[in-house]
Amino acid sequence: MLNGTIIVILISLAAGAAIRAWAFAIFAIAVALGFGIVAHQNASLLEAALYGLGILVLMQVCYVTGAFVAGLWRRSRKPSKESAMVDPAPVPSKQRQS
């Protein structure tokens, strides 16, 4: 179970940088239910439910952490001179009346 927990943490951190929150929520619920079902084979229903809930909370915390770190990393990168706009196109003001 410890190996599964470590894998869940790593996947959640990576998902924070790559996928939308709603997609991760669906994925996290499915994984937590799976862990709860596996835990139910060796423990009572209450213990399995608490274990599944704990996995779900851990996944959500790791997702938010991954999204936060990815956002900081994107903002900290300096734009290269090649990608900077040298001569931006003029923005038309109001439509000219003749």
PDB file of N, CA and C in Angstrom:
ATOM      1  N   MET A   1       0.813  -1.189   0.000  1.00  0.00           N
ATOM      2  CA  MET A   1       0.000   0.000   0.000  1.00  0.00           C
ATOM      3  C   MET A   1       0.860   1.257   0.000  1.00  0.00           C
ATOM      4  N   LEU A   2       2.049   1.187   0.604  1.00  0.00           N
ATOM      5  CA  LEU A   2       2.925   2.349   0.626  1.00  0.00           C
ATOM      6  C   LEU A   2       3.398   2.682  -0.786  1.00  0.00           C
ATOM      7  N   ASN A   3       3.722   1.666  -1.577  1.00  0.00           N
ATOM      8  CA  ASN A   3       4.140   1.914  -2.956  1.00  0.00           C
ATOM      9  C   ASN A   3       3.022   2.581  -3.747  1.00  0.00           C
ATOM     10  N   GLY A   4       1.794   2.124  -3.535  1.00  0.00           N
ATOM     11  CA  GLY A   4       0.650   2.734  -4.217  1.00  0.00           C
ATOM     12  C   GLY A   4       0.456   4.180  -3.810  1.00  0.00           C
ATOM     13  N   THR A   5       0.674   4.478  -2.538  1.00  0.00           N
ATOM     14  CA  THR A   5       0.533   5.842  -2.047  1.00  0.00           C
ATOM     15  C   THR A   5       1.590   6.754  -2.650  1.00  0.00           C
ATOM     16  N   ILE A   6       2.794   6.275  -2.760  1.00  0.00           N
ATOM     17  CA  ILE A   6       3.867   7.072  -3.363  1.00  0.00           C
ATOM     18  C   ILE A   6       3.569   7.329  -4.840  1.00  0.00           C
ATOM     19  N   ILE A   7       3.071   6.329  -5.534  1.00  0.00           N
ATOM     20  CA  ILE A   7       2.707   6.501  -6.944  1.00  0.00           C
ATOM     21  C   ILE A   7       1.575   7.513  -7.082  1.00  0.00           C
ATOM     22  N   VAL A   8       0.589   7.444  -6.190  1.00  0.00           N
ATOM     23  CA  VAL A   8      -0.530   8.390  -6.215  1.00  0.00           C
ATOM     24  C   VAL A   8      -0.025   9.815  -5.994  1.00  0.00           C
ATOM     25  N   ILE A   9       0.902  10.001  -5.089  1.00  0.00           N
ATOM     26  CA  ILE A   9       1.459  11.328  -4.831  1.00  0.00           C
ATOM     27  C   ILE A   9       2.162  11.859  -6.071  1.00  0.00           C
ATOM     28  N   LEU A  10       2.987  11.049  -6.699  1.00  0.00           N
ATOM     29  CA  LEU A  10       3.726  11.491  -7.884  1.00  0.00           C
ATOM     30  C   LEU A  10       2.788  11.801  -9.046  1.00  0.00           C
ATOM     31  N   ILE A  11       1.791  10.971  -9.257  1.00  0.00           N
ATOM     32  CA  ILE A  11       0.836  11.216 -10.337  1.00  0.00           C
ATOM     33  C   ILE A  11       0.041  12.490 -10.057  1.00  0.00           C
ATOM     34  N   SER A  12      -0.342  12.715  -8.822  1.00  0.00           N
ATOM     35  CA  SER A  12      -1.107  13.912  -8.474  1.00  0.00           C
ATOM     36  C   SER A  12      -0.289  15.182  -8.667  1.00  0.00           C
ATOM     37  N   LEU A  13       0.979  15.141  -8.300  1.00  0.00           N
ATOM     38  CA  LEU A  13       1.840  16.301  -8.514  1.00  0.00           C
ATOM     39  C   LEU A  13       1.997  16.604 -10.005  1.00  0.00           C
ATOM     40  N   ALA A  14       2.191  15.559 -10.803  1.00  0.00           N
ATOM     41  CA  ALA A  14       2.326  15.756 -12.249  1.00  0.00           C
ATOM     42  C   ALA A  14       1.010  16.229 -12.866  1.00  0.00           C
ATOM     43  N   ALA A  15      -0.094  15.721 -12.376  1.00  0.00           N
ATOM     44  CA  ALA A  15      -1.399  16.116 -12.913  1.00  0.00           C
ATOM     45  C   ALA A  15      -1.695  17.572 -12.614  1.00  0.00           C
ATOM     46  N   GLY A  16      -1.202  18.084 -11.507  1.00  0.00           N
ATOM     47  CA  GLY A  16      -1.409  19.490 -11.180  1.00  0.00           C
ATOM     48  C   GLY A  16      -0.844  20.424 -12.216  1.00  0.00           C
ATOM     49  N   ALA A  17       0.186  19.985 -12.897  1.00  0.00           N
ATOM     50  CA  ALA A  17       0.802  20.813 -13.925  1.00  0.00           C
ATOM     51  C   ALA A  17       0.221  20.563 -15.303  1.00  0.00           C
ATOM     52  N   ALA A  18      -0.551  19.500 -15.465  1.00  0.00           N
ATOM     53  CA  ALA A  18      -0.929  19.110 -16.817  1.00  0.00           C
ATOM     54  C   ALA A  18      -2.421  19.122 -17.122  1.00  0.00           C
ATOM     55  N   ILE A  19      -3.268  18.777 -16.173  1.00  0.00           N
ATOM     56  CA  ILE A  19      -4.681  18.612 -16.532  1.00  0.00           C
ATOM     57  C   ILE A  19      -5.580  19.537 -15.731  1.00  0.00           C
ATOM     58  N   ARG A  20      -6.797  19.671 -16.195  1.00  0.00           N
ATOM     59  CA  ARG A  20      -7.797  20.527 -15.552  1.00  0.00           C
ATOM     60  C   ARG A  20      -8.284  19.916 -14.247  1.00  0.00           C
ATOM     61  N   ALA A  21      -8.820  20.768 -13.389  1.00  0.00           N
ATOM     62  CA  ALA A  21      -9.267  20.331 -12.068  1.00  0.00           C
ATOM     63  C   ALA A  21     -10.432  19.355 -12.153  1.00  0.00           C
ATOM     64  N   TRP A  22     -11.381  19.578 -13.064  1.00  0.00           N
ATOM     65  CA  TRP A  22     -12.539  18.685 -13.142  1.00  0.00           C
ATOM     66  C   TRP A  22     -12.121  17.295 -13.600  1.00  0.00           C
ATOM     67  N   ALA A  23     -11.156  17.213 -14.504  1.00  0.00           N
ATOM     68  CA  ALA A  23     -10.681  15.909 -14.966  1.00  0.00           C
ATOM     69  C   ALA A  23      -9.950  15.184 -13.837  1.00  0.00           C
ATOM     70  N   PHE A  24      -9.179  15.931 -13.072  1.00  0.00           N
ATOM     71  CA  PHE A  24      -8.474  15.312 -11.962  1.00  0.00           C
ATOM     72  C   PHE A  24      -9.440  14.865 -10.871  1.00  0.00           C
ATOM     73  N   ALA A  25     -10.508  15.618 -10.650  1.00  0.00           N
ATOM     74  CA  ALA A  25     -11.481  15.241  -9.625  1.00  0.00           C
ATOM     75  C   ALA A  25     -12.116  13.890  -9.951  1.00  0.00           C
ATOM     76  N   ILE A  26     -12.469  13.693 -11.203  1.00  0.00           N
ATOM     77  CA  ILE A  26     -13.040  12.399 -11.619  1.00  0.00           C
ATOM     78  C   ILE A  26     -12.016  11.284 -11.418  1.00  0.00           C
ATOM     79  N   PHE A  27     -10.791  11.533 -11.837  1.00  0.00           N
ATOM     80  CA  PHE A  27      -9.718  10.550 -11.692  1.00  0.00           C
ATOM     81  C   PHE A  27      -9.460  10.237 -10.219  1.00  0.00           C
ATOM     82  N   ALA A  28      -9.426  11.265  -9.382  1.00  0.00           N
ATOM     83  CA  ALA A  28      -9.125  11.071  -7.963  1.00  0.00           C
ATOM     84  C   ALA A  28     -10.213  10.263  -7.262  1.00  0.00           C
ATOM     85  N   ILE A  29     -11.461  10.521  -7.600  1.00  0.00           N
ATOM     86  CA  ILE A  29     -12.552   9.759  -6.982  1.00  0.00           C
ATOM     87  C   ILE A  29     -12.458   8.289  -7.370  1.00  0.00           C
ATOM     88  N   ALA A  30     -12.159   8.036  -8.644  1.00  0.00           N
ATOM     89  CA  ALA A  30     -12.032   6.647  -9.093  1.00  0.00           C
ATOM     90  C   ALA A  30     -10.877   5.940  -8.379  1.00  0.00           C
ATOM     91  N   VAL A  31      -9.747   6.607  -8.253  1.00  0.00           N
ATOM     92  CA  VAL A  31      -8.586   6.003  -7.583  1.00  0.00           C
ATOM     93  C   VAL A  31      -8.868   5.782  -6.098  1.00  0.00           C
ATOM     94  N   ALA A  32      -9.488   6.758  -5.440  1.00  0.00           N
ATOM     95  CA  ALA A  32      -9.790   6.612  -4.012  1.00  0.00           C
ATOM     96  C   ALA A  32     -10.777   5.473  -3.778  1.00  0.00           C
ATOM     97  N   LEU A  33     -11.770   5.336  -4.659  1.00  0.00           N
ATOM     98  CA  LEU A  33     -12.692   4.210  -4.535  1.00  0.00           C
ATOM     99  C   LEU A  33     -11.961   2.883  -4.721  1.00  0.00           C
ATOM    100  N   GLY A  34     -11.049   2.845  -5.663  1.00  0.00           N
ATOM    101  CA  GLY A  34     -10.262   1.625  -5.881  1.00  0.00           C
ATOM    102  C   GLY A  34      -9.427   1.256  -4.674  1.00  0.00           C
ATOM    103  N   PHE A  35      -8.767   2.250  -4.089  1.00  0.00           N
ATOM    104  CA  PHE A  35      -7.978   1.990  -2.887  1.00  0.00           C
ATOM    105  C   PHE A  35      -8.871   1.553  -1.731  1.00  0.00           C
ATOM    106  N   GLY A  36     -10.057   2.163  -1.626  1.00  0.00           N
ATOM    107  CA  GLY A  36     -10.989   1.782  -0.571  1.00  0.00           C
ATOM    108  C   GLY A  36     -11.480   0.354  -0.737  1.00  0.00           C
ATOM    109  N   ILE A  37     -11.752  -0.057  -1.969  1.00  0.00           N
ATOM    110  CA  ILE A  37     -12.205  -1.426  -2.226  1.00  0.00           C
ATOM    111  C   ILE A  37     -11.112  -2.430  -1.892  1.00  0.00           C
ATOM    112  N   VAL A  38      -9.885  -2.114  -2.279  1.00  0.00           N
ATOM    113  CA  VAL A  38      -8.767  -3.007  -1.965  1.00  0.00           C
ATOM    114  C   VAL A  38      -8.552  -3.077  -0.459  1.00  0.00           C
ATOM    115  N   ALA A  39      -8.663  -1.940   0.225  1.00  0.00           N
ATOM    116  CA  ALA A  39      -8.484  -1.932   1.676  1.00  0.00           C
ATOM    117  C   ALA A  39      -9.615  -2.663   2.382  1.00  0.00           C
ATOM    118  N   HIS A  40     -10.805  -2.685   1.786  1.00  0.00           N
ATOM    119  CA  HIS A  40     -11.954  -3.351   2.403  1.00  0.00           C
ATOM    120  C   HIS A  40     -11.767  -4.870   2.465  1.00  0.00           C
ATOM    121  N   GLN A  41     -10.924  -5.409   1.616  1.00  0.00           N
ATOM    122  CA  GLN A  41     -10.687  -6.848   1.640  1.00  0.00           C
ATOM    123  C   GLN A  41      -9.963  -7.278   2.911  1.00  0.00           C
ATOM    124  N   ASN A  42      -9.178  -6.387   3.496  1.00  0.00           N
ATOM    125  CA  ASN A  42      -8.396  -6.723   4.680  1.00  0.00           C
ATOM    126  C   ASN A  42      -8.856  -6.001   5.938  1.00  0.00           C
ATOM    127  N   ALA A  43      -9.852  -5.125   5.844  1.00  0.00           N
ATOM    128  CA  ALA A  43     -10.266  -4.342   7.006  1.00  0.00           C
ATOM    129  C   ALA A  43     -11.784  -4.179   6.993  1.00  0.00           C
ATOM    130  N   SER A  44     -12.286  -3.503   8.010  1.00  0.00           N
ATOM    131  CA  SER A  44     -13.727  -3.273   8.086  1.00  0.00           C
ATOM    132  C   SER A  44     -14.128  -2.182   7.088  1.00  0.00           C
ATOM    133  N   LEU A  45     -15.412  -2.024   6.902  1.00  0.00           N
ATOM    134  CA  LEU A  45     -15.921  -1.043   5.954  1.00  0.00           C
ATOM    135  C   LEU A  45     -15.562   0.379   6.380  1.00  0.00           C
ATOM    136  N   LEU A  46     -15.636   0.664   7.668  1.00  0.00           N
ATOM    137  CA  LEU A  46     -15.301   1.992   8.166  1.00  0.00           C
ATOM    138  C   LEU A  46     -13.830   2.314   7.946  1.00  0.00           C
ATOM    139  N   GLU A  47     -12.954   1.378   8.245  1.00  0.00           N
ATOM    140  CA  GLU A  47     -11.524   1.596   8.034  1.00  0.00           C
ATOM    141  C   GLU A  47     -11.209   1.785   6.563  1.00  0.00           C
ATOM    142  N   ALA A  48     -11.856   0.994   5.702  1.00  0.00           N
ATOM    143  CA  ALA A  48     -11.633   1.131   4.265  1.00  0.00           C
ATOM    144  C   ALA A  48     -12.128   2.477   3.760  1.00  0.00           C
ATOM    145  N   ALA A  49     -13.279   2.937   4.255  1.00  0.00           N
ATOM    146  CA  ALA A  49     -13.812   4.238   3.844  1.00  0.00           C
ATOM    147  C   ALA A  49     -12.892   5.366   4.297  1.00  0.00           C
ATOM    148  N   LEU A  50     -12.382   5.281   5.520  1.00  0.00           N
ATOM    149  CA  LEU A  50     -11.454   6.300   6.011  1.00  0.00           C
ATOM    150  C   LEU A  50     -10.146   6.292   5.232  1.00  0.00           C
ATOM    151  N   TYR A  51      -9.671   5.109   4.867  1.00  0.00           N
ATOM    152  CA  TYR A  51      -8.449   5.014   4.074  1.00  0.00           C
ATOM    153  C   TYR A  51      -8.668   5.633   2.690  1.00  0.00           C
ATOM    154  N   GLY A  52      -9.796   5.321   2.059  1.00  0.00           N
ATOM    155  CA  GLY A  52     -10.107   5.901   0.751  1.00  0.00           C
ATOM    156  C   GLY A  52     -10.241   7.411   0.822  1.00  0.00           C
ATOM    157  N   LEU A  53     -10.870   7.921   1.877  1.00  0.00           N
ATOM    158  CA  LEU A  53     -11.005   9.364   2.070  1.00  0.00           C
ATOM    159  C   LEU A  53      -9.639  10.009   2.287  1.00  0.00           C
ATOM    160  N   GLY A  54      -8.785   9.344   3.039  1.00  0.00           N
ATOM    161  CA  GLY A  54      -7.430   9.854   3.254  1.00  0.00           C
ATOM    162  C   GLY A  54      -6.643   9.928   1.950  1.00  0.00           C
ATOM    163  N   ILE A  55      -6.778   8.908   1.115  1.00  0.00           N
ATOM    164  CA  ILE A  55      -6.103   8.919  -0.191  1.00  0.00           C
ATOM    165  C   ILE A  55      -6.637  10.066  -1.042  1.00  0.00           C
ATOM    166  N   LEU A  56      -7.956  10.274  -1.009  1.00  0.00           N
ATOM    167  CA  LEU A  56      -8.571  11.347  -1.785  1.00  0.00           C
ATOM    168  C   LEU A  56      -8.057  12.716  -1.344  1.00  0.00           C
ATOM    169  N   VAL A  57      -7.979  12.936  -0.042  1.00  0.00           N
ATOM    170  CA  VAL A  57      -7.463  14.206   0.476  1.00  0.00           C
ATOM    171  C   VAL A  57      -5.995  14.380   0.098  1.00  0.00           C
ATOM    172  N   LEU A  58      -5.216  13.329   0.219  1.00  0.00           N
ATOM    173  CA  LEU A  58      -3.804  13.390  -0.157  1.00  0.00           C
ATOM    174  C   LEU A  58      -3.644  13.726  -1.634  1.00  0.00           C
ATOM    175  N   MET A  59      -4.464  13.127  -2.489  1.00  0.00           N
ATOM    176  CA  MET A  59      -4.391  13.409  -3.918  1.00  0.00           C
ATOM    177  C   MET A  59      -4.756  14.859  -4.221  1.00  0.00           C
ATOM    178  N   GLN A  60      -5.772  15.380  -3.550  1.00  0.00           N
ATOM    179  CA  GLN A  60      -6.184  16.762  -3.802  1.00  0.00           C
ATOM    180  C   GLN A  60      -5.109  17.749  -3.342  1.00  0.00           C
ATOM    181  N   VAL A  61      -4.506  17.486  -2.194  1.00  0.00           N
ATOM    182  CA  VAL A  61      -3.437  18.359  -1.703  1.00  0.00           C
ATOM    183  C   VAL A  61      -2.248  18.334  -2.661  1.00  0.00           C
ATOM    184  N   CYS A  62      -1.886  17.163  -3.141  1.00  0.00           N
ATOM    185  CA  CYS A  62      -0.765  17.057  -4.078  1.00  0.00           C
ATOM    186  C   CYS A  62      -1.097  17.715  -5.414  1.00  0.00           C
ATOM    187  N   TYR A  63      -2.352  17.632  -5.863  1.00  0.00           N
ATOM    188  CA  TYR A  63      -2.766  18.280  -7.111  1.00  0.00           C
ATOM    189  C   TYR A  63      -2.633  19.794  -6.989  1.00  0.00           C
ATOM    190  N   VAL A  64      -3.138  20.345  -5.890  1.00  0.00           N
ATOM    191  CA  VAL A  64      -3.067  21.792  -5.702  1.00  0.00           C
ATOM    192  C   VAL A  64      -1.608  22.240  -5.594  1.00  0.00           C
ATOM    193  N   THR A  65      -0.790  21.462  -4.907  1.00  0.00           N
ATOM    194  CA  THR A  65       0.634  21.777  -4.803  1.00  0.00           C
ATOM    195  C   THR A  65       1.299  21.756  -6.170  1.00  0.00           C
ATOM    196  N   GLY A  66       0.995  20.743  -6.970  1.00  0.00           N
ATOM    197  CA  GLY A  66       1.565  20.665  -8.319  1.00  0.00           C
ATOM    198  C   GLY A  66       1.118  21.816  -9.200  1.00  0.00           C
ATOM    199  N   ALA A  67      -0.153  22.202  -9.116  1.00  0.00           N
ATOM    200  CA  ALA A  67      -0.657  23.332  -9.906  1.00  0.00           C
ATOM    201  C   ALA A  67       0.006  24.631  -9.470  1.00  0.00           C
ATOM    202  N   PHE A  68       0.192  24.806  -8.169  1.00  0.00           N
ATOM    203  CA  PHE A  68       0.832  26.015  -7.651  1.00  0.00           C
ATOM    204  C   PHE A  68       2.289  26.111  -8.103  1.00  0.00           C
ATOM    205  N   VAL A  69       3.014  25.026  -7.972  1.00  0.00           N
ATOM    206  CA  VAL A  69       4.427  25.023  -8.366  1.00  0.00           C
ATOM    207  C   VAL A  69       4.570  25.226  -9.878  1.00  0.00           C
ATOM    208  N   ALA A  70       3.702  24.602 -10.666  1.00  0.00           N
ATOM    209  CA  ALA A  70       3.762  24.785 -12.119  1.00  0.00           C
ATOM    210  C   ALA A  70       3.450  26.227 -12.492  1.00  0.00           C
ATOM    211  N   GLY A  71       2.500  26.861 -11.808  1.00  0.00           N
ATOM    212  CA  GLY A  71       2.191  28.261 -12.066  1.00  0.00           C
ATOM    213  C   GLY A  71       3.355  29.170 -11.719  1.00  0.00           C
ATOM    214  N   LEU A  72       3.988  28.916 -10.586  1.00  0.00           N
ATOM    215  CA  LEU A  72       5.176  29.703 -10.222  1.00  0.00           C
ATOM    216  C   LEU A  72       6.299  29.524 -11.232  1.00  0.00           C
ATOM    217  N   TRP A  73       6.485  28.306 -11.700  1.00  0.00           N
ATOM    218  CA  TRP A  73       7.554  28.033 -12.663  1.00  0.00           C
ATOM    219  C   TRP A  73       7.282  28.751 -13.981  1.00  0.00           C
ATOM    220  N   ARG A  74       6.021  28.741 -14.433  1.00  0.00           N
ATOM    221  CA  ARG A  74       5.687  29.431 -15.687  1.00  0.00           C
ATOM    222  C   ARG A  74       5.899  30.931 -15.566  1.00  0.00           C
ATOM    223  N   ARG A  75       5.554  31.495 -14.419  1.00  0.00           N
ATOM    224  CA  ARG A  75       5.694  32.941 -14.239  1.00  0.00           C
ATOM    225  C   ARG A  75       7.145  33.361 -14.043  1.00  0.00           C
ATOM    226  N   SER A  76       7.958  32.484 -13.542  1.00  0.00           N
ATOM    227  CA  SER A  76       9.343  32.847 -13.261  1.00  0.00           C
ATOM    228  C   SER A  76      10.241  32.796 -14.497  1.00  0.00           C
ATOM    229  N   ARG A  77       9.792  32.092 -15.527  1.00  0.00           N
ATOM    230  CA  ARG A  77      10.607  32.037 -16.737  1.00  0.00           C
ATOM    231  C   ARG A  77      10.606  33.391 -17.416  1.00  0.00           C
ATOM    232  N   LYS A  78      11.770  33.819 -17.847  1.00  0.00           N
ATOM    233  CA  LYS A  78      11.875  35.087 -18.559  1.00  0.00           C
ATOM    234  C   LYS A  78      11.621  34.829 -20.043  1.00  0.00           C
ATOM    235  N   PRO A  79      10.834  35.684 -20.681  1.00  0.00           N
ATOM    236  CA  PRO A  79      10.592  35.479 -22.110  1.00  0.00           C
ATOM    237  C   PRO A  79      11.870  35.739 -22.910  1.00  0.00           C
ATOM    238  N   SER A  80      12.084  34.929 -23.897  1.00  0.00           N
ATOM    239  CA  SER A  80      13.268  35.110 -24.723  1.00  0.00           C
ATOM    240  C   SER A  80      13.054  36.278 -25.673  1.00  0.00           C
ATOM    241  N   LYS A  81      14.155  36.827 -26.173  1.00  0.00           N
ATOM    242  CA  LYS A  81      14.050  37.964 -27.086  1.00  0.00           C
ATOM    243  C   LYS A  81      13.438  37.556 -28.415  1.00  0.00           C
ATOM    244  N   GLU A  82      13.587  36.304 -28.780  1.00  0.00           N
ATOM    245  CA  GLU A  82      13.015  35.836 -30.042  1.00  0.00           C
ATOM    246  C   GLU A  82      11.496  35.797 -29.973  1.00  0.00           C
ATOM    247  N   SER A  83      10.947  35.507 -28.808  1.00  0.00           N
ATOM    248  CA  SER A  83       9.500  35.405 -28.690  1.00  0.00           C
ATOM    249  C   SER A  83       8.849  36.737 -28.346  1.00  0.00           C
ATOM    250  N   ALA A  84       9.652  37.755 -28.044  1.00  0.00           N
ATOM    251  CA  ALA A  84       9.087  39.056 -27.714  1.00  0.00           C
ATOM    252  C   ALA A  84       8.601  39.744 -28.981  1.00  0.00           C
ATOM    253  N   MET A  85       7.551  40.506 -28.848  1.00  0.00           N
ATOM    254  CA  MET A  85       7.012  41.234 -29.986  1.00  0.00           C
ATOM    255  C   MET A  85       7.827  42.493 -30.187  1.00  0.00           C
ATOM    256  N   VAL A  86       8.404  42.640 -31.386  1.00  0.00           N
ATOM    257  CA  VAL A  86       9.230  43.797 -31.672  1.00  0.00           C
ATOM    258  C   VAL A  86       8.358  44.967 -32.102  1.00  0.00           C
ATOM    259  N   ASP A  87       7.471  44.731 -33.031  1.00  0.00           N
ATOM    260  CA  ASP A  87       6.622  45.785 -33.558  1.00  0.00           C
ATOM    261  C   ASP A  87       5.178  45.310 -33.530  1.00  0.00           C
ATOM    262  N   PRO A  88       4.489  45.536 -32.426  1.00  0.00           N
ATOM    263  CA  PRO A  88       3.126  45.037 -32.345  1.00  0.00           C
ATOM    264  C   PRO A  88       2.210  45.758 -33.327  1.00  0.00           C
ATOM    265  N   ALA A  89       1.220  45.058 -33.803  1.00  0.00           N
ATOM    266  CA  ALA A  89       0.263  45.641 -34.739  1.00  0.00           C
ATOM    267  C   ALA A  89      -0.568  46.689 -34.011  1.00  0.00           C
ATOM    268  N   PRO A  90      -0.877  47.795 -34.703  1.00  0.00           N
ATOM    269  CA  PRO A  90      -1.684  48.824 -34.034  1.00  0.00           C
ATOM    270  C   PRO A  90      -3.101  48.332 -33.788  1.00  0.00           C
ATOM    271  N   VAL A  91      -3.630  48.725 -32.652  1.00  0.00           N
ATOM    272  CA  VAL A  91      -4.988  48.349 -32.299  1.00  0.00           C
ATOM    273  C   VAL A  91      -5.909  49.441 -32.805  1.00  0.00           C
ATOM    274  N   PRO A  92      -6.868  49.089 -33.643  1.00  0.00           N
ATOM    275  CA  PRO A  92      -7.739  50.144 -34.169  1.00  0.00           C
ATOM    276  C   PRO A  92      -8.619  50.714 -33.063  1.00  0.00           C
ATOM    277  N   SER A  93      -8.681  52.043 -33.047  1.00  0.00           N
ATOM    278  CA  SER A  93      -9.565  52.650 -32.058  1.00  0.00           C
ATOM    279  C   SER A  93     -10.988  52.583 -32.583  1.00  0.00           C
ATOM    280  N   LYS A  94     -11.765  53.563 -32.395  1.00  0.00           N
ATOM    281  CA  LYS A  94     -13.139  53.513 -32.886  1.00  0.00           C
ATOM    282  C   LYS A  94     -13.140  53.524 -34.401  1.00  0.00           C
ATOM    283  N   GLN A  95     -14.187  52.992 -34.952  1.00  0.00           N
ATOM    284  CA  GLN A  95     -14.289  52.924 -36.409  1.00  0.00           C
ATOM    285  C   GLN A  95     -14.387  54.355 -36.941  1.00  0.00           C
ATOM    286  N   ARG A  96     -13.519  54.660 -37.888  1.00  0.00           N
ATOM    287  CA  ARG A  96     -13.488  56.033 -38.417  1.00  0.00           C
ATOM    288  C   ARG A  96     -14.702  56.297 -39.291  1.00  0.00           C
ATOM    289  N   GLN A  97     -15.297  57.435 -39.044  1.00  0.00           N
ATOM    290  CA  GLN A  97     -16.466  57.830 -39.842  1.00  0.00           C
ATOM    291  C   GLN A  97     -16.034  58.845 -40.895  1.00  0.00           C
ATOM    292  N   SER A  98     -16.506  58.679 -42.113  1.00  0.00           N
ATOM    293  CA  SER A  98     -16.106  59.630 -43.146  1.00  0.00           C
ATOM    294  C   SER A  98     -17.212  60.555 -43.536  1.00  0.00           C
TER     295      SER A  98
END
